[in-house]
Every structure is written in C-alpha cells, then in structure tokens.
N, C-alpha and C. Protein backbone atom coordinates (compact mmCIF):
# COMPACT_ATOMS: atom_id res chain seq x y z
N UNK A 1 117.93 170.47 133.06
CA UNK A 1 116.63 170.58 132.61
C UNK A 1 115.95 169.36 132.18
N UNK A 2 116.85 168.62 131.43
CA UNK A 2 116.41 167.73 130.50
C UNK A 2 115.99 166.53 131.43
N UNK A 3 116.75 166.33 132.38
CA UNK A 3 116.57 164.93 133.26
C UNK A 3 115.39 165.27 134.29
N UNK A 4 115.00 166.58 134.41
CA UNK A 4 113.75 166.79 135.29
C UNK A 4 112.42 166.32 134.32
N UNK A 5 112.62 166.86 133.12
CA UNK A 5 111.47 166.46 132.19
C UNK A 5 111.25 165.01 131.74
N UNK A 6 112.42 164.33 131.80
CA UNK A 6 112.38 162.80 131.55
C UNK A 6 112.19 162.18 132.88
N UNK A 7 112.22 162.69 133.93
CA UNK A 7 111.77 162.06 135.45
C UNK A 7 110.39 162.41 135.52
N UNK A 8 109.80 163.21 134.80
CA UNK A 8 108.27 163.37 134.77
C UNK A 8 107.59 162.59 133.83
N UNK A 9 108.13 162.25 132.80
CA UNK A 9 107.57 161.34 131.69
C UNK A 9 107.59 159.96 132.21
N UNK A 10 108.66 159.64 132.83
CA UNK A 10 108.71 158.23 133.06
C UNK A 10 107.43 157.40 133.69
N UNK A 11 106.91 158.10 134.73
CA UNK A 11 105.60 157.58 135.49
C UNK A 11 104.47 157.59 134.51
N UNK A 12 104.37 158.57 133.71
CA UNK A 12 103.35 158.51 132.73
C UNK A 12 103.46 157.65 131.66
N UNK A 13 104.75 157.20 131.08
CA UNK A 13 104.90 156.24 130.11
C UNK A 13 104.67 154.72 130.67
N UNK A 14 104.89 154.74 132.07
CA UNK A 14 104.70 153.33 132.43
C UNK A 14 103.29 153.22 132.78
N UNK A 15 102.45 154.08 133.10
CA UNK A 15 100.98 154.04 133.41
C UNK A 15 100.28 153.85 131.80
N UNK A 16 100.74 154.43 130.79
CA UNK A 16 100.23 154.36 129.40
C UNK A 16 100.68 152.76 129.11
N UNK A 17 101.80 152.38 129.15
CA UNK A 17 101.96 150.85 128.89
C UNK A 17 101.16 149.79 129.67
N UNK A 18 100.84 150.28 130.97
CA UNK A 18 100.10 149.29 131.54
C UNK A 18 98.60 149.17 131.13
N UNK A 19 98.15 150.37 130.86
CA UNK A 19 96.86 150.68 130.31
C UNK A 19 96.51 150.01 128.83
N UNK A 20 97.84 149.99 128.08
CA UNK A 20 97.62 149.48 126.77
C UNK A 20 97.80 147.93 127.00
N UNK A 21 98.49 147.36 127.91
CA UNK A 21 98.55 145.82 128.26
C UNK A 21 97.13 145.29 128.48
N UNK A 22 96.65 146.19 129.63
CA UNK A 22 95.33 145.61 130.22
C UNK A 22 94.04 145.69 129.02
N UNK A 23 94.36 146.39 128.20
CA UNK A 23 93.29 146.50 127.07
C UNK A 23 93.56 145.66 125.83
N UNK A 24 94.73 144.96 125.78
CA UNK A 24 94.98 144.21 124.66
C UNK A 24 94.34 142.92 124.48
N UNK A 25 93.72 142.29 125.46
CA UNK A 25 92.82 141.18 125.62
C UNK A 25 91.33 141.40 125.03
N UNK A 26 90.82 141.04 123.96
CA UNK A 26 89.55 141.40 123.51
C UNK A 26 88.57 140.58 124.71
N UNK A 27 87.31 141.03 124.64
CA UNK A 27 86.42 140.89 125.75
C UNK A 27 85.79 139.39 125.70
N UNK A 28 86.07 138.88 124.21
CA UNK A 28 85.49 137.56 124.02
C UNK A 28 86.48 136.58 124.34
N UNK A 29 87.74 136.90 124.57
CA UNK A 29 88.90 135.68 125.00
C UNK A 29 89.13 136.03 126.23
N UNK A 30 88.44 136.65 127.18
CA UNK A 30 88.70 136.49 128.62
C UNK A 30 88.05 135.22 129.20
N UNK A 31 88.58 134.69 130.23
CA UNK A 31 88.26 133.20 130.82
C UNK A 31 86.95 133.51 131.34
N UNK A 32 86.05 132.65 131.20
CA UNK A 32 84.64 132.42 131.88
C UNK A 32 84.90 131.19 133.17
N UNK A 33 83.99 131.68 134.03
CA UNK A 33 83.91 130.65 135.27
C UNK A 33 85.00 130.77 136.19
N UNK A 34 85.11 129.80 137.29
CA UNK A 34 86.16 129.97 138.17
C UNK A 34 87.71 129.55 137.45
N UNK A 35 88.60 130.15 138.31
CA UNK A 35 90.01 129.90 137.98
C UNK A 35 90.25 128.33 137.98
N UNK A 36 91.05 127.82 137.05
CA UNK A 36 91.51 126.23 137.27
C UNK A 36 91.77 126.08 138.54
N UNK A 37 91.30 124.97 139.15
CA UNK A 37 91.51 124.48 140.35
C UNK A 37 90.80 124.87 141.55
N UNK A 38 89.98 126.19 141.23
CA UNK A 38 89.21 126.60 142.21
C UNK A 38 87.38 126.15 142.03
N UNK A 39 87.23 125.44 141.36
CA UNK A 39 85.93 124.82 140.87
C UNK A 39 85.32 124.28 142.12
N UNK A 40 86.10 123.50 142.97
CA UNK A 40 85.52 122.51 144.07
C UNK A 40 85.79 123.46 145.45
N UNK A 41 86.19 124.76 145.66
CA UNK A 41 86.73 125.40 146.74
C UNK A 41 85.44 125.47 147.60
N UNK A 42 85.60 125.30 148.96
CA UNK A 42 84.73 125.33 149.94
C UNK A 42 84.32 126.71 150.06
N UNK A 43 83.28 126.71 150.79
CA UNK A 43 82.49 128.23 150.83
C UNK A 43 83.63 129.01 151.75
N UNK A 44 83.58 130.14 151.87
CA UNK A 44 84.57 131.11 152.73
C UNK A 44 83.88 131.29 154.01
N UNK A 45 82.81 130.66 154.41
CA UNK A 45 82.28 130.98 155.65
C UNK A 45 81.68 129.63 156.28
N UNK A 46 81.53 129.45 157.44
CA UNK A 46 80.81 128.39 157.90
C UNK A 46 79.16 128.50 157.92
N UNK A 47 78.71 127.51 157.15
CA UNK A 47 77.10 127.49 156.93
C UNK A 47 76.48 127.69 158.46
N UNK A 48 75.54 128.50 158.52
CA UNK A 48 74.77 128.68 159.56
C UNK A 48 75.39 129.09 160.79
N UNK A 49 76.70 129.61 160.72
CA UNK A 49 77.40 129.96 162.13
C UNK A 49 77.78 131.47 161.95
N UNK A 50 77.47 132.16 162.99
CA UNK A 50 77.67 133.66 162.96
C UNK A 50 78.45 133.96 164.19
N UNK A 51 79.22 135.20 164.31
CA UNK A 51 79.86 135.57 165.47
C UNK A 51 79.08 136.88 165.87
N UNK A 52 78.56 137.09 166.93
CA UNK A 52 77.96 138.18 167.53
C UNK A 52 78.66 138.77 168.70
N UNK A 53 78.39 140.27 168.50
CA UNK A 53 79.10 140.97 169.64
C UNK A 53 77.95 141.55 170.34
N UNK A 54 77.83 141.22 171.63
CA UNK A 54 76.82 141.76 172.40
C UNK A 54 77.10 142.65 173.61
N UNK A 55 75.88 143.17 173.91
CA UNK A 55 76.20 144.21 175.20
C UNK A 55 76.49 143.59 176.42
N UNK A 56 76.91 144.10 177.17
CA UNK A 56 77.48 143.51 178.68
C UNK A 56 76.04 143.22 179.34
N UNK A 57 76.43 141.82 179.97
CA UNK A 57 75.21 141.48 180.84
C UNK A 57 74.43 140.52 180.05
N UNK A 58 74.48 140.42 178.32
CA UNK A 58 73.56 139.48 177.75
C UNK A 58 74.33 138.14 177.80
N UNK A 59 73.45 137.10 178.14
CA UNK A 59 73.94 135.52 178.51
C UNK A 59 73.51 134.96 177.15
N UNK A 60 73.37 133.50 177.23
CA UNK A 60 73.01 132.50 176.41
C UNK A 60 71.66 132.39 176.40
N UNK A 61 70.81 132.61 177.55
CA UNK A 61 69.49 132.58 177.50
C UNK A 61 68.97 133.65 176.74
N UNK A 62 69.43 134.96 176.95
CA UNK A 62 68.96 135.90 176.10
C UNK A 62 69.02 135.96 174.71
N UNK A 63 70.14 135.46 174.34
CA UNK A 63 70.44 135.23 172.95
C UNK A 63 69.65 134.11 172.26
N UNK A 64 69.40 133.15 173.27
CA UNK A 64 68.52 131.96 172.48
C UNK A 64 66.93 132.45 172.40
N UNK A 65 66.63 133.37 173.15
CA UNK A 65 65.28 133.89 173.18
C UNK A 65 65.32 134.81 171.88
N UNK A 66 66.33 135.55 171.46
CA UNK A 66 66.25 136.50 170.88
C UNK A 66 66.33 135.64 169.18
N UNK A 67 67.13 134.61 169.16
CA UNK A 67 67.35 133.86 167.93
C UNK A 67 66.42 132.63 167.88
N UNK A 68 65.33 132.52 168.62
CA UNK A 68 64.75 131.38 168.48
C UNK A 68 63.98 131.18 167.28
N UNK A 69 63.31 132.14 166.40
CA UNK A 69 62.82 131.62 165.22
C UNK A 69 63.95 131.07 164.23
N UNK A 70 65.26 131.03 164.53
CA UNK A 70 66.30 130.53 163.55
C UNK A 70 66.65 129.17 163.95
N UNK A 71 66.19 128.83 165.24
CA UNK A 71 66.30 127.52 165.90
C UNK A 71 67.97 127.53 166.21
N UNK A 72 68.41 128.16 167.04
CA UNK A 72 69.78 127.96 167.47
C UNK A 72 70.07 126.76 168.19
N UNK A 73 71.40 126.18 167.45
CA UNK A 73 71.69 124.77 167.85
C UNK A 73 72.74 124.88 169.14
N UNK A 74 73.95 125.61 168.96
CA UNK A 74 74.84 125.83 169.73
C UNK A 74 75.08 127.52 169.93
N UNK A 75 75.33 127.99 171.23
CA UNK A 75 75.58 129.15 171.40
C UNK A 75 76.87 128.93 172.54
N UNK A 76 77.95 129.70 172.14
CA UNK A 76 78.99 129.50 172.89
C UNK A 76 79.65 130.88 173.17
N UNK A 77 80.11 131.16 174.26
CA UNK A 77 80.80 132.27 174.77
C UNK A 77 82.34 132.27 174.31
N UNK A 78 82.82 133.10 173.59
CA UNK A 78 84.12 133.06 173.12
C UNK A 78 85.05 133.54 173.97
N UNK A 79 84.78 134.38 174.87
CA UNK A 79 85.30 134.68 176.13
C UNK A 79 86.22 135.97 175.69
N UNK A 80 85.90 136.87 174.75
CA UNK A 80 86.67 138.00 174.40
C UNK A 80 85.99 139.25 174.44
N UNK A 81 85.42 139.61 175.62
CA UNK A 81 84.50 140.74 175.84
C UNK A 81 83.31 140.80 174.96
N UNK A 82 82.20 139.72 175.08
CA UNK A 82 81.05 139.83 174.66
C UNK A 82 81.01 139.34 172.97
N UNK A 83 81.86 138.59 172.84
CA UNK A 83 81.57 137.67 171.54
C UNK A 83 81.31 136.48 171.89
N UNK A 84 80.23 136.22 170.92
CA UNK A 84 79.36 134.82 170.89
C UNK A 84 79.34 134.01 169.72
N UNK A 85 79.65 132.86 169.77
CA UNK A 85 79.64 131.96 168.51
C UNK A 85 78.18 131.25 168.55
N UNK A 86 77.60 131.34 167.44
CA UNK A 86 76.05 130.75 167.58
C UNK A 86 76.03 130.08 166.22
N UNK A 87 75.46 128.88 166.32
CA UNK A 87 75.23 127.86 165.00
C UNK A 87 73.65 128.07 165.05
N UNK A 88 73.14 128.13 163.89
CA UNK A 88 71.66 128.36 163.68
C UNK A 88 71.27 127.11 162.59
N UNK A 89 70.35 126.27 163.07
CA UNK A 89 69.79 125.22 162.23
C UNK A 89 69.12 125.81 160.98
N UNK A 90 68.18 126.86 161.17
CA UNK A 90 67.77 127.64 160.17
C UNK A 90 68.37 128.85 159.75
N UNK A 91 69.32 128.59 158.82
CA UNK A 91 70.26 130.00 158.53
C UNK A 91 69.39 131.02 157.93
N UNK A 92 69.21 132.17 158.38
CA UNK A 92 68.43 133.38 157.74
C UNK A 92 69.07 133.90 156.69
N UNK A 93 70.35 133.89 156.68
CA UNK A 93 71.15 134.78 156.12
C UNK A 93 71.66 136.11 156.81
N UNK A 94 72.90 136.47 156.44
CA UNK A 94 73.47 137.59 157.16
C UNK A 94 72.55 138.93 157.31
N UNK A 95 72.03 139.26 156.06
CA UNK A 95 71.18 140.55 156.03
C UNK A 95 70.07 140.40 157.03
N UNK A 96 69.33 139.44 157.02
CA UNK A 96 68.06 139.06 157.93
C UNK A 96 68.63 139.03 159.56
N UNK A 97 69.61 138.42 159.62
CA UNK A 97 70.28 138.43 161.22
C UNK A 97 70.43 139.82 161.39
N UNK A 98 71.21 140.71 160.78
CA UNK A 98 71.59 141.78 160.92
C UNK A 98 70.21 142.88 161.24
N UNK A 99 69.23 142.68 160.42
CA UNK A 99 67.84 143.42 160.61
C UNK A 99 67.45 143.07 162.12
N UNK A 100 67.32 141.76 162.47
CA UNK A 100 67.01 141.41 163.73
C UNK A 100 67.88 142.07 165.02
N UNK A 101 69.06 142.13 164.48
CA UNK A 101 69.96 142.69 165.57
C UNK A 101 69.84 144.21 165.70
N UNK A 102 69.44 144.87 164.77
CA UNK A 102 69.21 146.22 164.74
C UNK A 102 68.09 146.56 165.69
N UNK A 103 66.80 145.70 165.84
CA UNK A 103 66.00 145.69 166.51
C UNK A 103 66.16 145.64 167.91
N UNK A 104 67.16 144.85 168.20
CA UNK A 104 67.61 144.47 169.60
C UNK A 104 68.55 145.39 170.11
N UNK A 105 68.54 145.82 171.37
CA UNK A 105 69.79 146.47 172.09
C UNK A 105 70.88 145.55 172.69
N UNK A 106 70.44 144.23 172.78
CA UNK A 106 71.37 143.24 173.19
C UNK A 106 72.52 142.97 172.19
N UNK A 107 72.38 142.83 170.90
CA UNK A 107 73.17 142.58 169.95
C UNK A 107 73.70 143.82 169.20
N UNK A 108 74.93 143.89 169.35
CA UNK A 108 75.72 145.20 168.72
C UNK A 108 76.17 145.13 167.24
N UNK A 109 76.64 143.56 167.03
CA UNK A 109 77.00 143.60 165.63
C UNK A 109 77.37 142.13 165.43
N UNK A 110 76.91 141.57 163.94
CA UNK A 110 76.82 140.53 163.47
C UNK A 110 77.83 140.22 162.31
N UNK A 111 78.54 139.06 162.28
CA UNK A 111 79.31 138.83 161.21
C UNK A 111 79.29 137.35 161.19
N UNK A 112 79.66 136.77 159.83
CA UNK A 112 79.71 135.47 159.44
C UNK A 112 81.03 134.72 160.01
N UNK A 113 80.91 133.55 160.50
CA UNK A 113 82.11 132.85 160.89
C UNK A 113 82.99 132.45 159.60
N UNK A 114 83.67 133.30 159.40
CA UNK A 114 84.91 133.06 158.12
C UNK A 114 85.59 131.95 158.40
N UNK A 115 86.02 131.01 157.38
CA UNK A 115 87.26 130.12 157.47
C UNK A 115 88.38 130.86 157.07
N UNK A 116 89.42 130.37 157.71
CA UNK A 116 90.91 130.92 157.41
C UNK A 116 91.75 129.74 156.98
N UNK A 117 92.58 129.99 156.16
CA UNK A 117 93.50 128.94 155.24
C UNK A 117 94.91 129.42 155.65
N UNK A 118 95.72 128.34 155.67
CA UNK A 118 97.15 128.67 155.69
C UNK A 118 97.52 129.07 154.43
N UNK A 119 98.58 130.10 154.69
CA UNK A 119 99.30 130.71 153.35
C UNK A 119 100.27 129.87 153.00
N UNK A 120 100.23 128.89 152.19
CA UNK A 120 101.43 128.09 151.57
C UNK A 120 101.23 127.62 150.33
N UNK A 121 102.09 127.93 149.47
CA UNK A 121 101.83 127.52 148.10
C UNK A 121 101.94 125.79 147.92
N UNK A 122 101.53 125.32 146.95
CA UNK A 122 101.62 123.78 146.70
C UNK A 122 102.93 123.29 146.54
N UNK A 123 103.78 123.96 145.97
CA UNK A 123 105.05 123.75 145.69
C UNK A 123 106.36 124.10 146.73
N UNK A 124 105.75 124.89 147.71
CA UNK A 124 106.66 125.17 148.94
C UNK A 124 106.88 124.03 149.71
N UNK A 125 108.31 123.63 149.99
CA UNK A 125 108.64 122.49 150.86
C UNK A 125 108.34 122.71 152.16
N UNK A 126 108.08 121.56 152.75
CA UNK A 126 107.80 121.69 154.32
C UNK A 126 109.13 121.62 154.95
N UNK A 127 109.33 122.71 155.85
CA UNK A 127 110.63 122.91 156.49
C UNK A 127 110.61 122.20 157.86
N UNK A 128 111.57 121.55 158.34
CA UNK A 128 111.79 120.86 159.67
C UNK A 128 111.97 121.90 160.71
N UNK A 129 111.56 121.79 161.71
CA UNK A 129 111.94 122.45 163.01
C UNK A 129 113.40 122.40 163.28
N UNK A 130 114.08 123.73 163.73
CA UNK A 130 115.59 123.31 164.00
C UNK A 130 115.73 122.42 165.31
N UNK A 131 116.73 121.92 165.37
CA UNK A 131 116.95 121.00 166.37
C UNK A 131 117.54 121.52 167.75
C-alpha cells in the first residue's frame, strides 16, 4: 500500500520542483533582447517570396494578372500539383496577400517561402564519407 502512495506522489513532487525552479529567477533578472549569437540572424523567410497553391488549370499568365498590383518579378511552377513560387517586387505582406487570395478562386493557399537550415552544432565534427 505504501509503494502505491509513493508512486502517486513522485510525479507531483517533480512538478512542484519544476515550478519552484522556474519561478526562482526574479523578473528583473531575465535577459532582455535576443540570445547571444542571434543578433545578426537572417530572416526566417525569403523577402518578397511566396509559395502559392493554385487550382488546376491556373497558369503563370493568370497568376501574373492576379498579382499585378504587387509587381511579380518571377513566377515559377514548382511541379508539385499546383505549387508556384512567386517573387514580388512590391511585398504586400502575408495577410494582404491572403486577403487577395480569398477573393480569387484560382489561389487556394498562400505561405511565405521559409528558409531552412542544416541541423548541426558548431562543435560537431565533420564526418568523412565511408570509403
């Protein structure tokens, strides 16, 4: 009977210890600004570039006409079932572009063109390929 009671109390004790540790740092001592080394980080998306999901049969001419107010510079079919990469010289922002897409039946979805980075720590050694 005692082991069951102890087994029930252990998770509660862990949670209490975690809560106490989290509240141990006063608010005036929390770090302000970006983390060290992150001050010069590049934006997480390519400026002015969006990936559009379009309805079947929609081509570059239709997209160019729909996005004319934003001065499309490049429109490229990504070849994955209606995905297009669009670079706009006059970047309206994601929300404005989504509102415009809602008015059109040709554009089904809009997302920014995110950047992706390799997952590698700075101290991780480079491994050679096996011979």
